[in-house]
Amino acid sequence: MGYATINPFNERTLKTFAEHDDAHVEETIGRAHSLYSLDWSRRPIEHRKAIVKKAAAILRERRGKLAELVTLEMGKLIAEARAEVDLSADILDYYADNAAQFLAAQPLKNADGEAWVESAPMGVLFCIEPWNFPYYQLARVAGPNLMAGNTLIVKHAPNVPQCALAFAELFIDAGAPAGAYSNLFVSNEQAARIIADPRIIGVALTGSMRAGAAVASEAGHAMKKSTMELGGSDAFIVVEDANLDDAVRLGVWAKMNNTGECCVAAKRFILHEAIADAFMSRFKAELEKLVPGDPMDEATTLGPLCTENALALVLQQIETAIKGGAKVLLGGKRVERPGYYLEPTIITDITSDNPAFYEEFFAPVALMFRVPDDAAAIALANDSPFGLGGTIMTTDIERGKRIAREIQSGMVFINAPTWTAPDLPFGGIKNSGYGRELSELGIGEFLNKKLIRVA
């Protein structure tokens, strides 16, 4: 597994990076552990806040260059790349501004004496992060854990190495000591040894279900706390009383944001039969307007997939779905041009014996289903190995709340696409993983909640 920048727009290899050797890995772990034990965890929180706030400011100062790196390495539309930089800066600011409150001691009612719970950092974390949001995924672990007093070692995805280096540079330039946040280019075998190292106290991973199963197993064997965010196959439910204009507009955004390469993208559109034909017709018309091109160009509305392997995988998924009896209403083929482009695709008539019924399509592919009522919509939404997010479109808010309570997922949005913000907890259930990032919940995952009692 090599680390390289391969431009998805033109398929050119622009830069390669050697993996770090075991001596460098050992030095990195030792530095992070020593810094945690002797310095970082003991610093007043205001000192850590100043560094994290400065890192957020540098993100904003370098917004243009950092966004271009995202687009260059994984193909995100440039406007979306700028928005990701903004969101990442907001996350760092959020934890810098709120960590003291989140970490404050919590007094307990105790009949005999005095008792309270204190929040203490735990040590060095190993974080394995994906390519689809190269800065946002890093900010989600860096902001809360640096503020909590932990130190981080990060293995980023092999296809976004320049983004990985740029994010690590933020903290050095913000005044963080060496070892607070460290980037490593390592193999999966080296990663397994890092997880096993006794100086590592926890593991955070965002990635595929297969990667999550492997890393969770290694963490469990080593008795390490872990959090896993493993993708999803989110339902986008449109009932018959929904505002169809809003449903189509938001549905297109929910599907096509980040070219569909998003854990919380709308992947299964569950439509009440009374509005299904109208929704699909209008949704199809909107996808047909998308224009493939250079993602650096503001006029481009359809970007490439991240890698050749990603494109090959989704083409195979589509072929398998068709063999299983599904029908392609739109697209389904590679765009005839350089780059890893897939036509915006709509697939219908997917039965439960079709492999596509239970798969995650990490691409601009929408699966369409018809249902007769709310009960059928809920049953279909829950008939999935995943449970990350979901959306319900309805003008009857109380009806939307009732449906939301029945959906088996970590997040449900009513009349809005599933999305993310610093103050909203992010995470799922079932094969979508466990643990939460962002909000107050996100800073609590790798803390020692220590009871102190005075008799």
Protein backbone atom coordinates (compact mmCIF):
# COMPACT_ATOMS: atom_id res chain seq x y z
CA MET A 1 0.00 0.00 0.00
CA GLY A 2 1.69 3.18 -1.17
CA TYR A 3 0.89 6.78 -0.33
CA ALA A 4 0.41 8.85 -3.47
CA THR A 5 -1.43 11.81 -4.95
CA ILE A 6 -3.27 10.56 -8.06
CA ASN A 7 -5.51 13.24 -9.53
CA PRO A 8 -8.95 11.61 -10.08
CA PHE A 9 -9.75 14.20 -12.75
CA ASN A 10 -7.00 13.16 -15.17
CA GLU A 11 -5.62 9.95 -13.57
CA ARG A 12 -2.10 11.38 -13.31
CA THR A 13 0.21 10.41 -10.46
CA LEU A 14 1.54 13.71 -9.14
CA LYS A 15 3.52 12.79 -6.05
CA THR A 16 4.44 9.69 -4.07
CA PHE A 17 5.48 9.28 -0.45
CA ALA A 18 7.53 6.54 1.19
CA GLU A 19 6.06 4.73 4.18
CA HIS A 20 7.71 5.48 7.49
CA ASP A 21 10.02 2.78 8.78
CA ASP A 22 9.65 1.08 12.14
CA ALA A 23 12.32 3.27 13.74
CA HIS A 24 10.37 6.40 12.85
CA VAL A 25 7.17 4.82 14.16
CA GLU A 26 8.87 3.98 17.45
CA GLU A 27 10.22 7.51 17.75
CA THR A 28 6.77 8.95 17.05
CA ILE A 29 5.02 6.82 19.66
CA GLY A 30 7.72 7.57 22.23
CA ARG A 31 7.48 11.31 21.64
CA ALA A 32 3.67 11.33 21.85
CA HIS A 33 3.70 9.26 25.04
CA SER A 34 6.39 11.33 26.71
CA LEU A 35 4.66 14.59 25.81
CA TYR A 36 1.33 13.31 27.14
CA SER A 37 2.83 12.12 30.44
CA LEU A 38 5.13 15.03 31.19
CA ASP A 39 3.53 18.04 29.55
CA TRP A 40 0.36 18.06 27.45
CA SER A 41 -2.03 16.40 29.93
CA ARG A 42 -0.71 18.67 32.72
CA ARG A 43 -1.00 21.97 30.89
CA PRO A 44 -3.73 24.39 31.95
CA ILE A 45 -6.62 24.02 29.53
CA GLU A 46 -6.24 27.67 28.49
CA HIS A 47 -2.81 26.84 27.05
CA ARG A 48 -4.25 24.04 24.94
CA LYS A 49 -7.15 26.29 23.93
CA ALA A 50 -4.78 28.95 22.56
CA ILE A 51 -3.10 26.39 20.29
CA VAL A 52 -6.32 24.84 19.00
CA LYS A 53 -7.83 28.30 18.38
CA LYS A 54 -4.71 29.30 16.47
CA ALA A 55 -4.93 26.13 14.37
CA ALA A 56 -8.53 27.04 13.47
CA ALA A 57 -7.42 30.52 12.44
CA ILE A 58 -4.65 29.10 10.25
CA LEU A 59 -7.18 26.80 8.57
CA ARG A 60 -9.20 29.84 7.58
CA GLU A 61 -6.13 31.78 6.46
CA ARG A 62 -5.05 28.90 4.19
CA ARG A 63 -8.57 28.06 3.04
CA GLY A 64 -7.90 28.40 -0.68
CA LYS A 65 -4.73 26.31 -0.79
CA LEU A 66 -6.07 23.66 1.56
CA ALA A 67 -9.27 23.32 -0.47
CA GLU A 68 -7.28 22.89 -3.67
CA LEU A 69 -5.34 20.02 -2.09
CA VAL A 70 -8.61 18.22 -1.30
CA THR A 71 -9.85 18.63 -4.86
CA LEU A 72 -6.49 17.59 -6.30
CA GLU A 73 -6.21 14.43 -4.23
CA MET A 74 -9.77 13.06 -4.01
CA GLY A 75 -11.79 15.01 -6.58
CA LYS A 76 -14.20 16.99 -4.37
CA LEU A 77 -15.85 19.94 -6.12
CA ILE A 78 -13.87 23.04 -5.17
CA ALA A 79 -16.82 24.83 -3.56
CA GLU A 80 -17.48 21.77 -1.38
CA ALA A 81 -13.78 21.59 -0.52
CA ARG A 82 -13.83 25.17 0.75
CA ALA A 83 -16.92 24.37 2.81
CA GLU A 84 -15.09 21.42 4.35
CA VAL A 85 -12.20 23.66 5.42
CA ASP A 86 -14.70 26.05 7.01
CA LEU A 87 -16.46 23.22 8.85
CA SER A 88 -13.15 21.85 10.11
CA ALA A 89 -12.18 25.24 11.50
CA ASP A 90 -15.59 25.53 13.15
CA ILE A 91 -15.05 22.17 14.88
CA LEU A 92 -11.68 23.22 16.30
CA ASP A 93 -13.16 26.50 17.51
CA TYR A 94 -16.15 24.70 19.03
CA TYR A 95 -13.99 22.46 21.21
CA ALA A 96 -11.57 25.23 22.09
CA ASP A 97 -14.49 27.36 23.29
CA ASN A 98 -16.51 24.65 25.05
CA ALA A 99 -14.07 22.04 26.36
CA ALA A 100 -13.65 23.64 29.77
CA GLN A 101 -17.39 23.39 30.34
CA PHE A 102 -17.54 19.82 29.05
CA LEU A 103 -14.61 18.75 31.26
CA ALA A 104 -15.78 20.46 34.44
CA ALA A 105 -16.19 18.29 37.52
CA GLN A 106 -19.74 16.98 38.05
CA PRO A 107 -20.90 16.94 41.68
CA LEU A 108 -22.97 13.96 42.78
CA LYS A 109 -25.67 13.74 45.42
CA ASN A 110 -24.32 11.50 48.12
CA ALA A 111 -25.99 10.70 51.42
CA ASP A 112 -22.74 10.22 53.29
CA GLY A 113 -19.95 12.66 52.49
CA GLU A 114 -18.91 14.40 49.28
CA ALA A 115 -18.58 12.90 45.77
CA TRP A 116 -17.93 14.12 42.27
CA VAL A 117 -16.78 12.88 38.85
CA GLU A 118 -13.73 14.38 37.21
CA SER A 119 -12.81 14.06 33.53
CA ALA A 120 -9.18 13.12 33.00
CA PRO A 121 -7.33 12.42 29.74
CA MET A 122 -6.19 8.87 29.09
CA GLY A 123 -3.09 9.01 26.90
CA VAL A 124 -2.03 8.50 23.30
CA LEU A 125 -4.74 7.77 20.72
CA PHE A 126 -4.23 6.08 17.37
CA CYS A 127 -6.64 7.40 14.75
CA ILE A 128 -7.26 5.77 11.35
CA GLU A 129 -9.10 8.16 9.05
CA PRO A 130 -10.62 8.06 5.53
CA TRP A 131 -10.14 10.09 2.38
CA ASN A 132 -13.65 11.37 1.65
CA PHE A 133 -13.46 14.39 4.00
CA PRO A 134 -9.70 14.72 4.44
CA TYR A 135 -9.74 17.58 6.99
CA TYR A 136 -13.16 17.21 8.61
CA GLN A 137 -12.44 13.62 9.67
CA LEU A 138 -9.20 14.78 11.30
CA ALA A 139 -10.81 17.77 13.01
CA ARG A 140 -13.43 15.48 14.56
CA VAL A 141 -10.75 13.62 16.53
CA ALA A 142 -8.16 16.37 16.94
CA GLY A 143 -10.38 19.11 18.37
CA PRO A 144 -11.91 17.23 21.31
CA ASN A 145 -8.95 15.05 22.19
CA LEU A 146 -6.27 17.73 22.09
CA MET A 147 -8.46 19.89 24.28
CA ALA A 148 -9.04 16.96 26.65
CA GLY A 149 -5.28 16.53 27.08
CA ASN A 150 -4.74 13.40 25.00
CA THR A 151 -2.13 13.22 22.25
CA LEU A 152 -2.82 11.79 18.79
CA ILE A 153 -1.05 9.67 16.19
CA VAL A 154 -2.92 9.60 12.89
CA LYS A 155 -2.81 7.23 9.95
CA HIS A 156 -4.64 8.95 7.09
CA ALA A 157 -5.84 7.33 3.86
CA PRO A 158 -3.08 6.56 1.32
CA ASN A 159 -4.65 8.67 -1.44
CA VAL A 160 -4.66 11.98 0.49
CA PRO A 161 -1.08 12.24 1.81
CA GLN A 162 -0.67 15.96 1.10
CA CYS A 163 -3.87 16.73 3.01
CA ALA A 164 -2.54 14.65 5.89
CA LEU A 165 0.72 16.59 5.99
CA ALA A 166 -1.02 19.95 5.65
CA PHE A 167 -3.31 19.25 8.60
CA ALA A 168 -0.44 18.11 10.82
CA GLU A 169 1.47 21.27 9.89
CA LEU A 170 -1.41 23.38 11.25
CA PHE A 171 -0.66 22.40 14.82
CA ILE A 172 3.09 22.88 14.54
CA ASP A 173 2.50 26.34 13.10
CA ALA A 174 -0.06 27.02 15.85
CA GLY A 175 2.61 26.36 18.47
CA ALA A 176 1.81 22.79 19.51
CA PRO A 177 4.81 20.86 20.81
CA ALA A 178 6.11 17.95 18.77
CA GLY A 179 4.12 14.85 19.68
CA ALA A 180 0.76 16.51 20.31
CA TYR A 181 -0.48 15.60 16.82
CA SER A 182 1.60 13.27 14.65
CA ASN A 183 1.00 11.97 11.13
CA LEU A 184 2.33 8.57 10.05
CA PHE A 185 2.48 6.93 6.63
CA VAL A 186 2.33 3.27 7.64
CA SER A 187 1.16 -0.08 6.29
CA ASN A 188 -1.73 -2.08 7.71
CA GLU A 189 0.79 -4.42 9.33
CA GLN A 190 2.52 -1.53 11.04
CA ALA A 191 -0.86 -0.16 12.11
CA ALA A 192 -1.67 -3.46 13.82
CA ARG A 193 1.58 -3.25 15.78
CA ILE A 194 0.82 0.33 16.78
CA ILE A 195 -2.56 -0.73 18.13
CA ALA A 196 -0.88 -3.46 20.18
CA ASP A 197 1.72 -1.09 21.64
CA PRO A 198 1.02 -0.65 25.38
CA ARG A 199 1.59 3.12 25.11
CA ILE A 200 -1.51 3.44 22.90
CA ILE A 201 -4.66 3.69 25.03
CA GLY A 202 -7.39 3.89 22.40
CA VAL A 203 -8.22 3.60 18.72
CA ALA A 204 -10.63 5.71 16.63
CA LEU A 205 -11.48 4.59 13.10
CA THR A 206 -13.70 5.94 10.37
CA GLY A 207 -13.84 3.69 7.33
CA SER A 208 -15.37 0.60 5.81
CA MET A 209 -17.11 -2.17 7.73
CA ARG A 210 -14.31 -4.57 6.74
CA ALA A 211 -11.62 -2.22 8.05
CA GLY A 212 -13.63 -1.61 11.19
CA ALA A 213 -14.02 -5.30 11.92
CA ALA A 214 -10.27 -5.87 11.55
CA VAL A 215 -9.23 -2.89 13.66
CA ALA A 216 -11.88 -3.49 16.34
CA SER A 217 -10.65 -7.07 16.64
CA GLU A 218 -7.06 -5.91 17.06
CA ALA A 219 -8.07 -3.26 19.59
CA GLY A 220 -10.19 -5.75 21.53
CA HIS A 221 -7.37 -8.29 21.62
CA ALA A 222 -5.13 -5.58 23.07
CA MET A 223 -7.84 -4.46 25.54
CA LYS A 224 -8.03 -0.99 24.00
CA LYS A 225 -11.10 1.25 23.94
CA SER A 226 -12.21 1.93 20.35
CA THR A 227 -14.76 3.96 18.43
CA MET A 228 -15.94 2.95 14.95
CA GLU A 229 -17.79 4.94 12.27
CA LEU A 230 -18.28 2.49 9.44
CA GLY A 231 -20.57 4.03 6.86
CA GLY A 232 -24.22 3.48 6.17
CA SER A 233 -27.06 3.03 3.74
CA ASP A 234 -29.25 5.88 4.88
CA ALA A 235 -32.95 5.96 4.10
CA PHE A 236 -34.52 9.12 2.66
CA ILE A 237 -38.23 8.68 3.35
CA VAL A 238 -40.75 10.81 1.45
CA VAL A 239 -44.36 10.43 2.61
CA GLU A 240 -47.37 11.49 0.57
CA ASP A 241 -47.91 14.81 2.40
CA ALA A 242 -44.33 16.03 1.83
CA ASN A 243 -43.59 19.25 -0.01
CA LEU A 244 -42.38 17.71 -3.26
CA ASP A 245 -40.30 20.74 -4.25
CA ASP A 246 -38.35 20.51 -1.00
CA ALA A 247 -38.12 16.72 -1.16
CA VAL A 248 -36.58 16.73 -4.65
CA ARG A 249 -34.23 19.63 -3.98
CA LEU A 250 -32.98 18.25 -0.68
CA GLY A 251 -32.93 14.70 -2.00
CA VAL A 252 -30.62 15.64 -4.84
CA TRP A 253 -28.27 17.41 -2.43
CA ALA A 254 -28.41 14.52 0.01
CA LYS A 255 -27.45 12.07 -2.73
CA MET A 256 -24.94 14.11 -4.71
CA ASN A 257 -23.04 15.94 -1.98
CA ASN A 258 -19.39 14.86 -2.25
CA THR A 259 -20.37 12.95 -5.42
CA GLY A 260 -22.22 10.47 -3.20
CA GLU A 261 -18.99 9.49 -1.42
CA CYS A 262 -20.39 10.32 1.99
CA CYS A 263 -21.26 8.10 4.94
CA VAL A 264 -24.53 9.94 5.52
CA ALA A 265 -25.49 10.43 1.88
CA ALA A 266 -29.06 9.46 1.03
CA LYS A 267 -28.68 6.01 -0.50
CA ARG A 268 -32.14 4.41 -0.30
CA PHE A 269 -35.07 6.59 -1.32
CA ILE A 270 -38.22 5.16 0.24
CA LEU A 271 -41.21 6.79 -1.45
CA HIS A 272 -44.90 6.60 -0.67
CA GLU A 273 -46.56 5.11 -3.72
CA ALA A 274 -48.85 8.14 -4.14
CA ILE A 275 -45.89 10.42 -4.95
CA ALA A 276 -43.26 7.92 -6.12
CA ASP A 277 -43.66 8.48 -9.88
CA ALA A 278 -43.64 12.27 -9.56
CA PHE A 279 -40.62 12.25 -7.25
CA MET A 280 -38.59 9.90 -9.46
CA SER A 281 -39.41 11.85 -12.61
CA ARG A 282 -38.33 15.14 -11.10
CA PHE A 283 -35.30 13.65 -9.33
CA LYS A 284 -34.14 12.08 -12.62
CA ALA A 285 -34.53 15.40 -14.43
CA GLU A 286 -32.31 17.12 -11.86
CA LEU A 287 -29.57 14.48 -12.09
CA GLU A 288 -29.60 14.79 -15.88
CA LYS A 289 -28.59 18.45 -15.52
CA LEU A 290 -25.29 17.62 -13.78
CA VAL A 291 -22.18 18.44 -15.80
CA PRO A 292 -18.97 16.39 -15.43
CA GLY A 293 -15.73 18.28 -15.64
CA ASP A 294 -12.70 19.59 -13.81
CA PRO A 295 -13.65 19.77 -10.11
CA MET A 296 -11.45 22.87 -9.83
CA ASP A 297 -13.86 24.62 -12.22
CA GLU A 298 -16.77 26.34 -10.47
CA ALA A 299 -19.04 25.41 -13.39
CA THR A 300 -18.55 21.67 -12.85
CA THR A 301 -21.42 19.98 -11.03
CA LEU A 302 -20.35 16.33 -11.25
CA GLY A 303 -16.93 15.40 -9.95
CA PRO A 304 -14.97 12.16 -10.32
CA LEU A 305 -14.91 9.32 -7.84
CA CYS A 306 -11.82 9.23 -5.68
CA THR A 307 -9.91 6.33 -7.26
CA GLU A 308 -9.97 3.84 -10.08
CA ASN A 309 -10.74 1.07 -7.58
CA ALA A 310 -13.76 2.98 -6.25
CA LEU A 311 -15.13 3.36 -9.77
CA ALA A 312 -14.53 -0.31 -10.58
CA LEU A 313 -16.30 -1.38 -7.37
CA VAL A 314 -19.49 0.58 -8.02
CA LEU A 315 -19.62 -0.53 -11.66
CA GLN A 316 -19.44 -4.12 -10.41
CA GLN A 317 -22.20 -3.41 -7.87
CA ILE A 318 -24.43 -2.01 -10.61
CA GLU A 319 -23.78 -5.01 -12.86
CA THR A 320 -24.61 -7.39 -10.01
CA ALA A 321 -27.80 -5.48 -9.23
CA ILE A 322 -28.94 -5.75 -12.86
CA LYS A 323 -28.20 -9.47 -12.93
CA GLY A 324 -30.35 -9.74 -9.81
CA GLY A 325 -33.34 -8.23 -11.60
CA ALA A 326 -32.99 -4.53 -10.85
CA LYS A 327 -33.60 -1.89 -13.53
CA VAL A 328 -31.50 1.15 -14.33
CA LEU A 329 -33.68 4.24 -14.72
CA LEU A 330 -30.71 6.52 -15.37
CA GLY A 331 -26.98 6.20 -15.93
CA GLY A 332 -25.15 3.14 -14.72
CA LYS A 333 -22.02 3.52 -16.86
CA ARG A 334 -18.61 5.14 -16.75
CA VAL A 335 -18.53 8.57 -18.38
CA GLU A 336 -16.53 8.43 -21.61
CA ARG A 337 -13.78 10.86 -20.69
CA PRO A 338 -10.51 10.79 -18.73
CA GLY A 339 -10.94 10.54 -14.98
CA TYR A 340 -12.91 8.31 -12.64
CA TYR A 341 -16.39 9.55 -13.56
CA LEU A 342 -19.65 7.63 -13.14
CA GLU A 343 -22.90 8.74 -14.68
CA PRO A 344 -25.47 9.80 -12.05
CA THR A 345 -27.43 6.60 -11.59
CA ILE A 346 -30.92 5.60 -10.44
CA ILE A 347 -31.75 1.95 -9.81
CA THR A 348 -35.28 0.61 -9.24
CA ASP A 349 -37.03 -2.75 -8.73
CA ILE A 350 -34.55 -4.00 -6.14
CA THR A 351 -35.83 -7.03 -4.26
CA SER A 352 -34.51 -8.38 -0.97
CA ASP A 353 -32.83 -11.32 -2.70
CA ASN A 354 -30.72 -8.91 -4.77
CA PRO A 355 -27.25 -8.22 -3.25
CA ALA A 356 -27.81 -4.51 -3.92
CA PHE A 357 -30.64 -4.47 -1.38
CA TYR A 358 -28.20 -4.67 1.54
CA GLU A 359 -25.08 -3.04 0.10
CA GLU A 360 -23.74 0.47 0.59
CA PHE A 361 -23.27 2.34 -2.70
CA PHE A 362 -20.51 4.89 -2.04
CA ALA A 363 -21.09 6.77 -5.29
CA PRO A 364 -23.69 8.87 -7.17
CA VAL A 365 -26.15 5.97 -7.18
CA ALA A 366 -29.69 6.29 -5.81
CA LEU A 367 -31.78 3.21 -5.01
CA MET A 368 -35.53 3.80 -5.31
CA PHE A 369 -38.26 1.91 -3.42
CA ARG A 370 -42.07 2.25 -3.23
CA VAL A 371 -44.10 1.67 -0.07
CA PRO A 372 -47.86 1.88 0.70
CA ASP A 373 -47.69 3.43 4.18
CA ASP A 374 -45.56 4.55 7.12
CA ALA A 375 -45.28 1.07 8.61
CA ALA A 376 -43.84 -0.30 5.37
CA ALA A 377 -41.44 2.66 5.12
CA ILE A 378 -40.17 2.05 8.65
CA ALA A 379 -39.79 -1.69 8.06
CA LEU A 380 -37.85 -1.12 4.84
CA ALA A 381 -35.63 1.56 6.39
CA ASN A 382 -34.75 -0.81 9.24
CA ASP A 383 -34.16 -3.80 6.96
CA SER A 384 -30.49 -2.97 6.60
CA PRO A 385 -27.26 -4.07 8.26
CA PHE A 386 -26.43 -0.38 8.69
CA GLY A 387 -27.83 2.23 11.05
CA LEU A 388 -26.07 5.56 10.65
CA GLY A 389 -28.50 8.33 9.62
CA GLY A 390 -31.79 8.94 7.88
CA THR A 391 -34.19 11.61 6.64
CA ILE A 392 -37.98 11.95 6.77
CA MET A 393 -39.78 14.44 4.51
CA THR A 394 -43.27 15.40 5.72
CA THR A 395 -45.33 18.51 6.40
CA ASP A 396 -46.76 16.82 9.52
CA ILE A 397 -43.96 17.29 12.04
CA GLU A 398 -45.58 15.08 14.70
CA ARG A 399 -45.90 12.32 12.13
CA GLY A 400 -42.23 12.82 11.27
CA LYS A 401 -41.27 12.50 14.94
CA ARG A 402 -43.27 9.27 15.29
CA ILE A 403 -41.51 7.77 12.28
CA ALA A 404 -38.11 9.02 13.48
CA ARG A 405 -38.51 7.26 16.82
CA GLU A 406 -38.99 3.95 14.99
CA ILE A 407 -35.94 4.27 12.72
CA GLN A 408 -32.99 2.15 13.86
CA SER A 409 -30.10 4.58 13.39
CA GLY A 410 -27.85 6.92 15.30
CA MET A 411 -29.27 10.05 13.66
CA VAL A 412 -32.57 11.02 12.03
CA PHE A 413 -33.30 14.40 10.42
CA ILE A 414 -36.82 15.65 9.67
CA ASN A 415 -37.18 17.84 6.57
CA ALA A 416 -33.41 18.13 6.15
CA PRO A 417 -30.69 15.87 4.78
CA THR A 418 -28.63 14.04 7.36
CA TRP A 419 -25.62 16.24 7.92
CA THR A 420 -23.08 17.29 10.51
CA ALA A 421 -22.29 20.24 12.76
CA PRO A 422 -19.84 20.69 15.64
CA ASP A 423 -22.61 20.67 18.27
CA LEU A 424 -24.49 17.61 16.93
CA PRO A 425 -23.37 14.09 17.93
CA PHE A 426 -22.34 11.93 14.98
CA GLY A 427 -22.38 8.12 14.94
CA GLY A 428 -24.43 5.01 14.33
CA ILE A 429 -25.52 1.58 15.46
CA LYS A 430 -25.49 -1.94 13.98
CA ASN A 431 -22.79 -2.30 11.30
CA SER A 432 -22.42 1.47 11.14
CA GLY A 433 -20.26 1.21 14.24
CA TYR A 434 -20.29 2.47 17.81
CA GLY A 435 -19.27 5.54 19.74
CA ARG A 436 -19.94 9.19 18.95
CA GLU A 437 -17.91 12.07 17.60
CA LEU A 438 -18.68 15.82 17.84
CA SER A 439 -20.79 17.62 20.48
CA GLU A 440 -20.20 17.02 24.18
CA LEU A 441 -20.52 13.29 23.55
CA GLY A 442 -17.50 13.33 21.25
CA ILE A 443 -15.09 14.65 23.86
CA GLY A 444 -16.21 12.00 26.34
CA GLU A 445 -15.15 8.91 24.40
CA PHE A 446 -11.51 8.89 25.51
CA LEU A 447 -11.75 10.32 29.01
CA ASN A 448 -11.37 8.68 32.38
CA LYS A 449 -14.56 9.59 34.21
CA LYS A 450 -13.04 9.35 37.66
CA LEU A 451 -15.17 9.19 40.79
CA ILE A 452 -13.70 10.96 43.83
CA ARG A 453 -15.52 10.49 47.12
CA VAL A 454 -14.81 11.97 50.52
CA ALA A 455 -16.39 9.88 53.29
